[in-house]
Amino acid sequence: MTRMLGDWKRAWRDAVENFRRELDADDVGPEAAGDRRLAAMRRDLAAARTEVRRLDQELARVREQLEQERQEEQNCRRREGLARQIADEETARLASEFAGRHAERAAVLERKVEVLAAEQALRARDLAEMEAALRTRVAARGLELDEERDDAEFRRLEQEAKERAAAQRLEELKRRMNHS
């Protein structure tokens, strides 16, 4: 998870830095250079959108894990209570121990949700700024923003990301099966 989050952060920083570099570039040069800069800005924007969606998915996944840990803690507490009712101290002790472990995991996941939510808010703000800057740049050049083309590019990039993720999961399953 930490490595994956680090990869996302690097990709995000790269996209934002590239976008800002293109935004700050002098547009006085030939028309083709301006077109290349706009194309690069659109690519960076599509990459940034993909990263925001990935972060949204990760946040949803961690929230789901948190809910599962809370449920497991409740189950263990219930088992502990039942074991105490029948004076089964060993089972009660084990249930209490496992409930504590689930509570610890839930506490860590709660912090993780807070951090991911804060990161999501930052990235969403950056993305909104990038979109506004691109609209301004496009309007200044007298062009129309081709959102349909941008959406198609975004869907293509998102599909490629899904395919890479599926291939990685398949490789992981194969690796696990070979080690079994």
N, C-alpha and C. Protein backbone atom coordinates (compact mmCIF):
# COMPACT_ATOMS: atom_id res chain seq x y z
N MET A 1 0.83 -1.19 0.00
CA MET A 1 0.00 0.00 0.00
C MET A 1 0.87 1.25 0.00
N THR A 2 1.89 1.28 0.86
CA THR A 2 2.73 2.47 0.96
C THR A 2 3.44 2.72 -0.36
N ARG A 3 3.95 1.65 -0.99
CA ARG A 3 4.64 1.81 -2.27
C ARG A 3 3.67 2.32 -3.34
N MET A 4 2.46 1.75 -3.33
CA MET A 4 1.46 2.15 -4.32
C MET A 4 1.09 3.62 -4.12
N LEU A 5 0.90 4.04 -2.86
CA LEU A 5 0.56 5.43 -2.59
C LEU A 5 1.72 6.34 -3.00
N GLY A 6 2.95 5.89 -2.76
CA GLY A 6 4.12 6.66 -3.19
C GLY A 6 4.17 6.81 -4.70
N ASP A 7 3.84 5.73 -5.42
CA ASP A 7 3.80 5.78 -6.88
C ASP A 7 2.75 6.77 -7.36
N TRP A 8 1.60 6.75 -6.71
CA TRP A 8 0.53 7.68 -7.07
C TRP A 8 0.96 9.11 -6.84
N LYS A 9 1.61 9.33 -5.70
CA LYS A 9 2.04 10.69 -5.38
C LYS A 9 3.06 11.19 -6.41
N ARG A 10 4.00 10.33 -6.79
CA ARG A 10 4.98 10.72 -7.81
C ARG A 10 4.30 11.02 -9.13
N ALA A 11 3.39 10.15 -9.54
CA ALA A 11 2.68 10.36 -10.81
C ALA A 11 1.88 11.66 -10.75
N TRP A 12 1.26 11.91 -9.62
CA TRP A 12 0.49 13.15 -9.47
C TRP A 12 1.39 14.37 -9.56
N ARG A 13 2.49 14.35 -8.80
CA ARG A 13 3.41 15.49 -8.83
C ARG A 13 3.94 15.72 -10.24
N ASP A 14 4.29 14.63 -10.92
CA ASP A 14 4.79 14.76 -12.29
C ASP A 14 3.74 15.40 -13.20
N ALA A 15 2.50 14.93 -13.09
CA ALA A 15 1.45 15.48 -13.95
C ALA A 15 1.22 16.96 -13.67
N VAL A 16 1.17 17.31 -12.38
CA VAL A 16 0.93 18.72 -12.03
C VAL A 16 2.11 19.58 -12.46
N GLU A 17 3.33 19.09 -12.22
CA GLU A 17 4.52 19.87 -12.62
C GLU A 17 4.57 20.04 -14.14
N ASN A 18 4.32 18.98 -14.88
CA ASN A 18 4.30 19.08 -16.34
C ASN A 18 3.23 20.06 -16.81
N PHE A 19 2.07 19.98 -16.19
CA PHE A 19 0.98 20.87 -16.56
C PHE A 19 1.37 22.32 -16.31
N ARG A 20 1.91 22.59 -15.15
CA ARG A 20 2.29 23.97 -14.83
C ARG A 20 3.42 24.45 -15.73
N ARG A 21 4.35 23.56 -16.05
CA ARG A 21 5.44 23.94 -16.95
C ARG A 21 4.88 24.33 -18.32
N GLU A 22 3.92 23.54 -18.79
CA GLU A 22 3.29 23.87 -20.08
C GLU A 22 2.49 25.16 -19.97
N LEU A 23 1.84 25.37 -18.85
CA LEU A 23 1.06 26.58 -18.66
C LEU A 23 1.95 27.81 -18.64
N ASP A 24 3.12 27.69 -18.02
CA ASP A 24 4.04 28.81 -17.90
C ASP A 24 4.86 29.05 -19.16
N ALA A 25 4.85 28.09 -20.09
CA ALA A 25 5.65 28.24 -21.30
C ALA A 25 5.14 29.42 -22.12
N ASP A 26 6.06 30.08 -22.77
CA ASP A 26 5.70 31.26 -23.57
C ASP A 26 4.98 30.79 -24.83
N ASP A 27 3.77 31.28 -25.04
CA ASP A 27 2.95 30.86 -26.17
C ASP A 27 3.15 31.74 -27.40
N VAL A 28 4.19 32.57 -27.38
CA VAL A 28 4.40 33.50 -28.49
C VAL A 28 4.96 32.79 -29.71
N GLY A 29 5.57 31.62 -29.52
CA GLY A 29 6.22 30.90 -30.61
C GLY A 29 5.25 30.47 -31.69
N PRO A 30 5.72 29.63 -32.58
CA PRO A 30 4.89 29.19 -33.70
C PRO A 30 3.62 28.48 -33.22
N GLU A 31 2.64 28.47 -34.08
CA GLU A 31 1.34 27.85 -33.78
C GLU A 31 1.51 26.38 -33.38
N ALA A 32 2.38 25.67 -34.06
CA ALA A 32 2.58 24.25 -33.77
C ALA A 32 3.06 24.04 -32.35
N ALA A 33 3.94 24.92 -31.88
CA ALA A 33 4.44 24.79 -30.50
C ALA A 33 3.30 24.97 -29.51
N GLY A 34 2.42 25.93 -29.78
CA GLY A 34 1.26 26.13 -28.91
C GLY A 34 0.34 24.93 -28.91
N ASP A 35 0.15 24.34 -30.09
CA ASP A 35 -0.68 23.14 -30.19
C ASP A 35 -0.07 21.99 -29.40
N ARG A 36 1.25 21.84 -29.48
CA ARG A 36 1.93 20.78 -28.73
C ARG A 36 1.77 21.00 -27.23
N ARG A 37 1.89 22.25 -26.81
CA ARG A 37 1.74 22.55 -25.39
C ARG A 37 0.31 22.24 -24.92
N LEU A 38 -0.67 22.63 -25.72
CA LEU A 38 -2.06 22.32 -25.34
C LEU A 38 -2.29 20.81 -25.29
N ALA A 39 -1.73 20.10 -26.26
CA ALA A 39 -1.87 18.64 -26.26
C ALA A 39 -1.21 18.05 -25.02
N ALA A 40 -0.04 18.57 -24.65
CA ALA A 40 0.64 18.08 -23.45
C ALA A 40 -0.18 18.40 -22.20
N MET A 41 -0.76 19.59 -22.17
CA MET A 41 -1.59 19.96 -21.02
C MET A 41 -2.80 19.03 -20.91
N ARG A 42 -3.39 18.70 -22.05
CA ARG A 42 -4.54 17.78 -22.04
C ARG A 42 -4.13 16.40 -21.54
N ARG A 43 -2.96 15.93 -21.98
CA ARG A 43 -2.47 14.63 -21.51
C ARG A 43 -2.24 14.66 -20.01
N ASP A 44 -1.60 15.74 -19.53
CA ASP A 44 -1.35 15.86 -18.09
C ASP A 44 -2.66 15.92 -17.31
N LEU A 45 -3.63 16.61 -17.86
CA LEU A 45 -4.94 16.70 -17.21
C LEU A 45 -5.61 15.33 -17.17
N ALA A 46 -5.52 14.58 -18.25
CA ALA A 46 -6.10 13.24 -18.27
C ALA A 46 -5.40 12.34 -17.25
N ALA A 47 -4.08 12.45 -17.16
CA ALA A 47 -3.33 11.67 -16.17
C ALA A 47 -3.74 12.07 -14.75
N ALA A 48 -3.92 13.35 -14.52
CA ALA A 48 -4.33 13.83 -13.20
C ALA A 48 -5.73 13.31 -12.85
N ARG A 49 -6.63 13.31 -13.83
CA ARG A 49 -7.97 12.77 -13.58
C ARG A 49 -7.90 11.29 -13.22
N THR A 50 -7.05 10.56 -13.93
CA THR A 50 -6.89 9.14 -13.63
C THR A 50 -6.38 8.94 -12.21
N GLU A 51 -5.43 9.75 -11.80
CA GLU A 51 -4.89 9.64 -10.45
C GLU A 51 -5.94 9.97 -9.39
N VAL A 52 -6.78 10.96 -9.67
CA VAL A 52 -7.85 11.30 -8.72
C VAL A 52 -8.82 10.13 -8.61
N ARG A 53 -9.17 9.53 -9.74
CA ARG A 53 -10.07 8.37 -9.69
C ARG A 53 -9.44 7.20 -8.95
N ARG A 54 -8.15 6.98 -9.16
CA ARG A 54 -7.46 5.90 -8.44
C ARG A 54 -7.51 6.15 -6.94
N LEU A 55 -7.28 7.39 -6.57
CA LEU A 55 -7.32 7.75 -5.15
C LEU A 55 -8.73 7.54 -4.60
N ASP A 56 -9.74 7.91 -5.36
CA ASP A 56 -11.13 7.68 -4.94
C ASP A 56 -11.38 6.19 -4.69
N GLN A 57 -10.88 5.35 -5.60
CA GLN A 57 -11.05 3.91 -5.45
C GLN A 57 -10.32 3.38 -4.22
N GLU A 58 -9.11 3.87 -4.01
CA GLU A 58 -8.34 3.44 -2.84
C GLU A 58 -9.04 3.85 -1.56
N LEU A 59 -9.57 5.05 -1.53
CA LEU A 59 -10.29 5.53 -0.35
C LEU A 59 -11.51 4.65 -0.09
N ALA A 60 -12.24 4.30 -1.12
CA ALA A 60 -13.41 3.42 -0.96
C ALA A 60 -12.98 2.05 -0.45
N ARG A 61 -11.87 1.53 -0.97
CA ARG A 61 -11.38 0.22 -0.54
C ARG A 61 -10.98 0.24 0.93
N VAL A 62 -10.29 1.29 1.36
CA VAL A 62 -9.84 1.38 2.75
C VAL A 62 -11.05 1.55 3.68
N ARG A 63 -12.04 2.32 3.24
CA ARG A 63 -13.25 2.47 4.06
C ARG A 63 -13.96 1.13 4.23
N GLU A 64 -13.96 0.33 3.17
CA GLU A 64 -14.57 -1.00 3.24
C GLU A 64 -13.79 -1.88 4.22
N GLN A 65 -12.47 -1.83 4.15
CA GLN A 65 -11.64 -2.60 5.09
C GLN A 65 -11.92 -2.17 6.52
N LEU A 66 -12.05 -0.87 6.74
CA LEU A 66 -12.33 -0.34 8.07
C LEU A 66 -13.65 -0.90 8.59
N GLU A 67 -14.66 -0.89 7.76
CA GLU A 67 -15.96 -1.42 8.17
C GLU A 67 -15.86 -2.90 8.51
N GLN A 68 -15.08 -3.66 7.74
CA GLN A 68 -14.90 -5.08 8.02
C GLN A 68 -14.20 -5.29 9.35
N GLU A 69 -13.18 -4.50 9.62
CA GLU A 69 -12.46 -4.63 10.90
C GLU A 69 -13.38 -4.30 12.08
N ARG A 70 -14.19 -3.27 11.93
CA ARG A 70 -15.14 -2.92 13.00
C ARG A 70 -16.13 -4.06 13.23
N GLN A 71 -16.60 -4.66 12.14
CA GLN A 71 -17.54 -5.77 12.25
C GLN A 71 -16.87 -6.97 12.94
N GLU A 72 -15.64 -7.26 12.56
CA GLU A 72 -14.92 -8.37 13.18
C GLU A 72 -14.69 -8.11 14.67
N GLU A 73 -14.39 -6.87 15.03
CA GLU A 73 -14.22 -6.53 16.45
C GLU A 73 -15.53 -6.78 17.20
N GLN A 74 -16.65 -6.35 16.63
CA GLN A 74 -17.94 -6.58 17.27
C GLN A 74 -18.22 -8.07 17.43
N ASN A 75 -17.91 -8.84 16.40
CA ASN A 75 -18.12 -10.29 16.47
C ASN A 75 -17.29 -10.90 17.60
N CYS A 76 -16.05 -10.48 17.71
CA CYS A 76 -15.18 -11.01 18.76
C CYS A 76 -15.69 -10.60 20.14
N ARG A 77 -16.15 -9.37 20.28
CA ARG A 77 -16.71 -8.91 21.57
C ARG A 77 -17.95 -9.72 21.93
N ARG A 78 -18.78 -10.01 20.93
CA ARG A 78 -19.97 -10.83 21.17
C ARG A 78 -19.57 -12.23 21.62
N ARG A 79 -18.58 -12.81 20.93
CA ARG A 79 -18.10 -14.14 21.31
C ARG A 79 -17.51 -14.14 22.72
N GLU A 80 -16.80 -13.08 23.03
CA GLU A 80 -16.23 -12.97 24.38
C GLU A 80 -17.35 -12.98 25.42
N GLY A 81 -18.40 -12.20 25.18
CA GLY A 81 -19.53 -12.15 26.12
C GLY A 81 -20.20 -13.50 26.26
N LEU A 82 -20.40 -14.19 25.14
CA LEU A 82 -21.02 -15.52 25.19
C LEU A 82 -20.14 -16.50 25.96
N ALA A 83 -18.83 -16.43 25.73
CA ALA A 83 -17.91 -17.34 26.42
C ALA A 83 -17.92 -17.07 27.92
N ARG A 84 -18.00 -15.83 28.32
CA ARG A 84 -18.04 -15.49 29.75
C ARG A 84 -19.34 -15.99 30.39
N GLN A 85 -20.43 -15.96 29.63
CA GLN A 85 -21.71 -16.44 30.16
C GLN A 85 -21.66 -17.92 30.51
N ILE A 86 -20.85 -18.67 29.77
CA ILE A 86 -20.76 -20.11 30.06
C ILE A 86 -19.47 -20.45 30.80
N ALA A 87 -18.79 -19.41 31.31
CA ALA A 87 -17.57 -19.56 32.11
C ALA A 87 -16.44 -20.24 31.34
N ASP A 88 -16.34 -19.98 30.05
CA ASP A 88 -15.24 -20.50 29.23
C ASP A 88 -14.19 -19.39 29.13
N GLU A 89 -13.33 -19.33 30.14
CA GLU A 89 -12.36 -18.23 30.24
C GLU A 89 -11.33 -18.24 29.10
N GLU A 90 -10.92 -19.41 28.65
CA GLU A 90 -9.93 -19.48 27.57
C GLU A 90 -10.50 -18.88 26.27
N THR A 91 -11.71 -19.27 25.94
CA THR A 91 -12.35 -18.72 24.74
C THR A 91 -12.58 -17.22 24.90
N ALA A 92 -12.99 -16.80 26.08
CA ALA A 92 -13.21 -15.37 26.35
C ALA A 92 -11.90 -14.60 26.19
N ARG A 93 -10.80 -15.17 26.70
CA ARG A 93 -9.50 -14.51 26.59
C ARG A 93 -9.09 -14.36 25.13
N LEU A 94 -9.24 -15.44 24.37
CA LEU A 94 -8.88 -15.40 22.95
C LEU A 94 -9.76 -14.41 22.17
N ALA A 95 -11.04 -14.44 22.45
CA ALA A 95 -11.95 -13.51 21.77
C ALA A 95 -11.59 -12.07 22.09
N SER A 96 -11.25 -11.81 23.34
CA SER A 96 -10.85 -10.46 23.75
C SER A 96 -9.56 -10.05 23.05
N GLU A 97 -8.62 -10.98 22.98
CA GLU A 97 -7.34 -10.70 22.31
C GLU A 97 -7.56 -10.35 20.83
N PHE A 98 -8.38 -11.15 20.16
CA PHE A 98 -8.63 -10.89 18.74
C PHE A 98 -9.44 -9.60 18.55
N ALA A 99 -10.35 -9.31 19.47
CA ALA A 99 -11.11 -8.05 19.39
C ALA A 99 -10.15 -6.87 19.49
N GLY A 100 -9.16 -6.99 20.36
CA GLY A 100 -8.15 -5.93 20.49
C GLY A 100 -7.36 -5.74 19.21
N ARG A 101 -7.01 -6.85 18.58
CA ARG A 101 -6.27 -6.75 17.32
C ARG A 101 -7.10 -6.06 16.24
N HIS A 102 -8.37 -6.44 16.17
CA HIS A 102 -9.25 -5.81 15.18
C HIS A 102 -9.43 -4.32 15.49
N ALA A 103 -9.51 -3.98 16.76
CA ALA A 103 -9.64 -2.57 17.15
C ALA A 103 -8.40 -1.79 16.74
N GLU A 104 -7.21 -2.40 16.92
CA GLU A 104 -5.97 -1.73 16.50
C GLU A 104 -5.95 -1.50 14.99
N ARG A 105 -6.31 -2.54 14.25
CA ARG A 105 -6.34 -2.40 12.79
C ARG A 105 -7.33 -1.32 12.37
N ALA A 106 -8.49 -1.30 13.03
CA ALA A 106 -9.50 -0.29 12.71
C ALA A 106 -8.96 1.11 12.99
N ALA A 107 -8.22 1.27 14.08
CA ALA A 107 -7.66 2.59 14.40
C ALA A 107 -6.67 3.03 13.32
N VAL A 108 -5.84 2.11 12.86
CA VAL A 108 -4.88 2.42 11.80
C VAL A 108 -5.63 2.78 10.51
N LEU A 109 -6.65 2.00 10.19
CA LEU A 109 -7.42 2.27 8.98
C LEU A 109 -8.17 3.60 9.07
N GLU A 110 -8.63 3.97 10.26
CA GLU A 110 -9.28 5.28 10.43
C GLU A 110 -8.31 6.40 10.09
N ARG A 111 -7.07 6.28 10.58
CA ARG A 111 -6.06 7.30 10.26
C ARG A 111 -5.77 7.30 8.76
N LYS A 112 -5.73 6.11 8.18
CA LYS A 112 -5.46 6.01 6.74
C LYS A 112 -6.57 6.69 5.95
N VAL A 113 -7.82 6.50 6.36
CA VAL A 113 -8.95 7.16 5.69
C VAL A 113 -8.80 8.67 5.80
N GLU A 114 -8.43 9.17 6.98
CA GLU A 114 -8.25 10.61 7.16
C GLU A 114 -7.18 11.15 6.21
N VAL A 115 -6.06 10.45 6.12
CA VAL A 115 -4.96 10.89 5.26
C VAL A 115 -5.37 10.84 3.79
N LEU A 116 -6.00 9.75 3.39
CA LEU A 116 -6.43 9.63 1.99
C LEU A 116 -7.48 10.68 1.65
N ALA A 117 -8.39 10.96 2.58
CA ALA A 117 -9.41 11.98 2.32
C ALA A 117 -8.77 13.36 2.17
N ALA A 118 -7.76 13.65 3.00
CA ALA A 118 -7.06 14.94 2.88
C ALA A 118 -6.32 15.01 1.55
N GLU A 119 -5.67 13.92 1.18
CA GLU A 119 -4.95 13.87 -0.10
C GLU A 119 -5.93 14.04 -1.26
N GLN A 120 -7.08 13.40 -1.15
CA GLN A 120 -8.10 13.50 -2.19
C GLN A 120 -8.56 14.96 -2.35
N ALA A 121 -8.77 15.64 -1.24
CA ALA A 121 -9.21 17.04 -1.30
C ALA A 121 -8.15 17.91 -1.98
N LEU A 122 -6.88 17.69 -1.64
CA LEU A 122 -5.80 18.45 -2.27
C LEU A 122 -5.75 18.20 -3.77
N ARG A 123 -5.83 16.94 -4.14
CA ARG A 123 -5.75 16.60 -5.56
C ARG A 123 -6.95 17.12 -6.33
N ALA A 124 -8.12 17.05 -5.72
CA ALA A 124 -9.32 17.56 -6.39
C ALA A 124 -9.18 19.06 -6.63
N ARG A 125 -8.63 19.77 -5.66
CA ARG A 125 -8.42 21.22 -5.83
C ARG A 125 -7.40 21.48 -6.94
N ASP A 126 -6.29 20.73 -6.93
CA ASP A 126 -5.29 20.87 -8.00
C ASP A 126 -5.91 20.59 -9.37
N LEU A 127 -6.71 19.55 -9.44
CA LEU A 127 -7.35 19.17 -10.70
C LEU A 127 -8.27 20.29 -11.19
N ALA A 128 -9.05 20.86 -10.28
CA ALA A 128 -9.94 21.96 -10.67
C ALA A 128 -9.14 23.15 -11.19
N GLU A 129 -8.01 23.43 -10.55
CA GLU A 129 -7.15 24.53 -11.02
C GLU A 129 -6.58 24.23 -12.40
N MET A 130 -6.16 22.98 -12.61
CA MET A 130 -5.62 22.59 -13.91
C MET A 130 -6.69 22.73 -15.00
N GLU A 131 -7.92 22.27 -14.70
CA GLU A 131 -9.00 22.37 -15.68
C GLU A 131 -9.30 23.83 -16.02
N ALA A 132 -9.34 24.67 -14.99
CA ALA A 132 -9.61 26.10 -15.22
C ALA A 132 -8.49 26.73 -16.05
N ALA A 133 -7.25 26.37 -15.75
CA ALA A 133 -6.12 26.93 -16.49
C ALA A 133 -6.16 26.50 -17.95
N LEU A 134 -6.52 25.25 -18.20
CA LEU A 134 -6.61 24.78 -19.58
C LEU A 134 -7.73 25.51 -20.32
N ARG A 135 -8.87 25.68 -19.67
CA ARG A 135 -9.98 26.40 -20.32
C ARG A 135 -9.55 27.83 -20.66
N THR A 136 -8.85 28.46 -19.73
CA THR A 136 -8.38 29.83 -19.96
C THR A 136 -7.42 29.87 -21.14
N ARG A 137 -6.48 28.93 -21.17
CA ARG A 137 -5.49 28.88 -22.25
C ARG A 137 -6.16 28.63 -23.59
N VAL A 138 -7.10 27.70 -23.60
CA VAL A 138 -7.81 27.38 -24.84
C VAL A 138 -8.61 28.59 -25.31
N ALA A 139 -9.30 29.24 -24.39
CA ALA A 139 -10.09 30.42 -24.75
C ALA A 139 -9.19 31.55 -25.26
N ALA A 140 -8.02 31.71 -24.66
CA ALA A 140 -7.09 32.76 -25.08
C ALA A 140 -6.58 32.52 -26.49
N ARG A 141 -6.51 31.28 -26.88
CA ARG A 141 -6.04 30.96 -28.24
C ARG A 141 -7.18 30.96 -29.23
N GLY A 142 -8.40 31.21 -28.76
CA GLY A 142 -9.54 31.27 -29.66
C GLY A 142 -10.00 29.90 -30.12
N LEU A 143 -9.68 28.87 -29.36
CA LEU A 143 -10.08 27.50 -29.71
C LEU A 143 -11.26 27.10 -28.83
N GLU A 144 -11.91 26.03 -29.22
CA GLU A 144 -12.95 25.46 -28.38
C GLU A 144 -12.37 24.26 -27.67
N LEU A 145 -12.76 24.12 -26.43
CA LEU A 145 -12.30 22.98 -25.64
C LEU A 145 -13.02 21.74 -26.13
N ASP A 146 -12.27 20.79 -26.58
CA ASP A 146 -12.85 19.56 -27.11
C ASP A 146 -12.97 18.55 -25.97
N GLU A 147 -14.01 18.74 -25.15
CA GLU A 147 -14.20 17.87 -24.00
C GLU A 147 -14.52 16.45 -24.41
N GLU A 148 -15.20 16.29 -25.54
CA GLU A 148 -15.52 14.95 -26.01
C GLU A 148 -14.23 14.19 -26.32
N ARG A 149 -13.30 14.85 -26.99
CA ARG A 149 -12.01 14.22 -27.29
C ARG A 149 -11.25 13.93 -26.00
N ASP A 150 -11.27 14.89 -25.08
CA ASP A 150 -10.60 14.69 -23.80
C ASP A 150 -11.21 13.52 -23.04
N ASP A 151 -12.55 13.43 -23.06
CA ASP A 151 -13.21 12.33 -22.37
C ASP A 151 -12.84 10.99 -23.00
N ALA A 152 -12.76 10.95 -24.32
CA ALA A 152 -12.38 9.71 -25.00
C ALA A 152 -10.95 9.32 -24.63
N GLU A 153 -10.07 10.30 -24.58
CA GLU A 153 -8.68 10.03 -24.19
C GLU A 153 -8.63 9.54 -22.75
N PHE A 154 -9.41 10.16 -21.89
CA PHE A 154 -9.45 9.77 -20.50
C PHE A 154 -9.96 8.33 -20.36
N ARG A 155 -11.02 8.00 -21.08
CA ARG A 155 -11.54 6.63 -21.02
C ARG A 155 -10.50 5.63 -21.51
N ARG A 156 -9.76 5.99 -22.56
CA ARG A 156 -8.72 5.11 -23.08
C ARG A 156 -7.64 4.89 -22.03
N LEU A 157 -7.19 5.97 -21.40
CA LEU A 157 -6.16 5.86 -20.37
C LEU A 157 -6.66 5.06 -19.18
N GLU A 158 -7.91 5.28 -18.80
CA GLU A 158 -8.49 4.55 -17.68
C GLU A 158 -8.58 3.06 -18.01
N GLN A 159 -8.97 2.72 -19.23
CA GLN A 159 -9.06 1.32 -19.65
C GLN A 159 -7.68 0.67 -19.62
N GLU A 160 -6.67 1.38 -20.10
CA GLU A 160 -5.31 0.86 -20.05
C GLU A 160 -4.88 0.60 -18.61
N ALA A 161 -5.21 1.51 -17.71
CA ALA A 161 -4.86 1.34 -16.30
C ALA A 161 -5.56 0.12 -15.72
N LYS A 162 -6.84 -0.08 -16.06
CA LYS A 162 -7.58 -1.25 -15.58
C LYS A 162 -6.95 -2.54 -16.10
N GLU A 163 -6.57 -2.53 -17.37
CA GLU A 163 -5.96 -3.72 -17.95
C GLU A 163 -4.62 -4.04 -17.29
N ARG A 164 -3.83 -3.00 -17.01
CA ARG A 164 -2.55 -3.22 -16.31
C ARG A 164 -2.80 -3.77 -14.91
N ALA A 165 -3.79 -3.24 -14.22
CA ALA A 165 -4.10 -3.70 -12.87
C ALA A 165 -4.57 -5.15 -12.90
N ALA A 166 -5.39 -5.51 -13.88
CA ALA A 166 -5.86 -6.89 -14.00
C ALA A 166 -4.70 -7.82 -14.29
N ALA A 167 -3.79 -7.40 -15.15
CA ALA A 167 -2.62 -8.23 -15.46
C ALA A 167 -1.75 -8.41 -14.22
N GLN A 168 -1.61 -7.37 -13.43
CA GLN A 168 -0.82 -7.48 -12.20
C GLN A 168 -1.49 -8.43 -11.22
N ARG A 169 -2.82 -8.35 -11.09
CA ARG A 169 -3.53 -9.26 -10.19
C ARG A 169 -3.38 -10.70 -10.66
N LEU A 170 -3.46 -10.92 -11.98
CA LEU A 170 -3.30 -12.25 -12.53
C LEU A 170 -1.90 -12.79 -12.23
N GLU A 171 -0.89 -11.97 -12.43
CA GLU A 171 0.48 -12.39 -12.13
C GLU A 171 0.64 -12.72 -10.65
N GLU A 172 0.01 -11.92 -9.79
CA GLU A 172 0.08 -12.17 -8.35
C GLU A 172 -0.59 -13.50 -8.00
N LEU A 173 -1.74 -13.78 -8.61
CA LEU A 173 -2.41 -15.06 -8.38
C LEU A 173 -1.56 -16.22 -8.85
N LYS A 174 -0.96 -16.07 -10.03
CA LYS A 174 -0.08 -17.13 -10.54
C LYS A 174 1.09 -17.36 -9.60
N ARG A 175 1.66 -16.26 -9.11
CA ARG A 175 2.80 -16.37 -8.20
C ARG A 175 2.38 -17.09 -6.92
N ARG A 176 1.22 -16.74 -6.40
CA ARG A 176 0.73 -17.38 -5.17
C ARG A 176 0.46 -18.86 -5.38
N MET A 177 -0.11 -19.20 -6.56
CA MET A 177 -0.41 -20.60 -6.84
C MET A 177 0.86 -21.41 -6.97
N ASN A 178 1.91 -20.83 -7.50
CA ASN A 178 3.17 -21.53 -7.66
C ASN A 178 3.87 -21.75 -6.32
N HIS A 179 3.60 -20.87 -5.35
CA HIS A 179 4.23 -21.00 -4.04
C HIS A 179 3.41 -21.87 -3.09
N SER A 180 2.22 -22.26 -3.51
CA SER A 180 1.34 -23.07 -2.65
C SER A 180 1.78 -24.51 -2.63
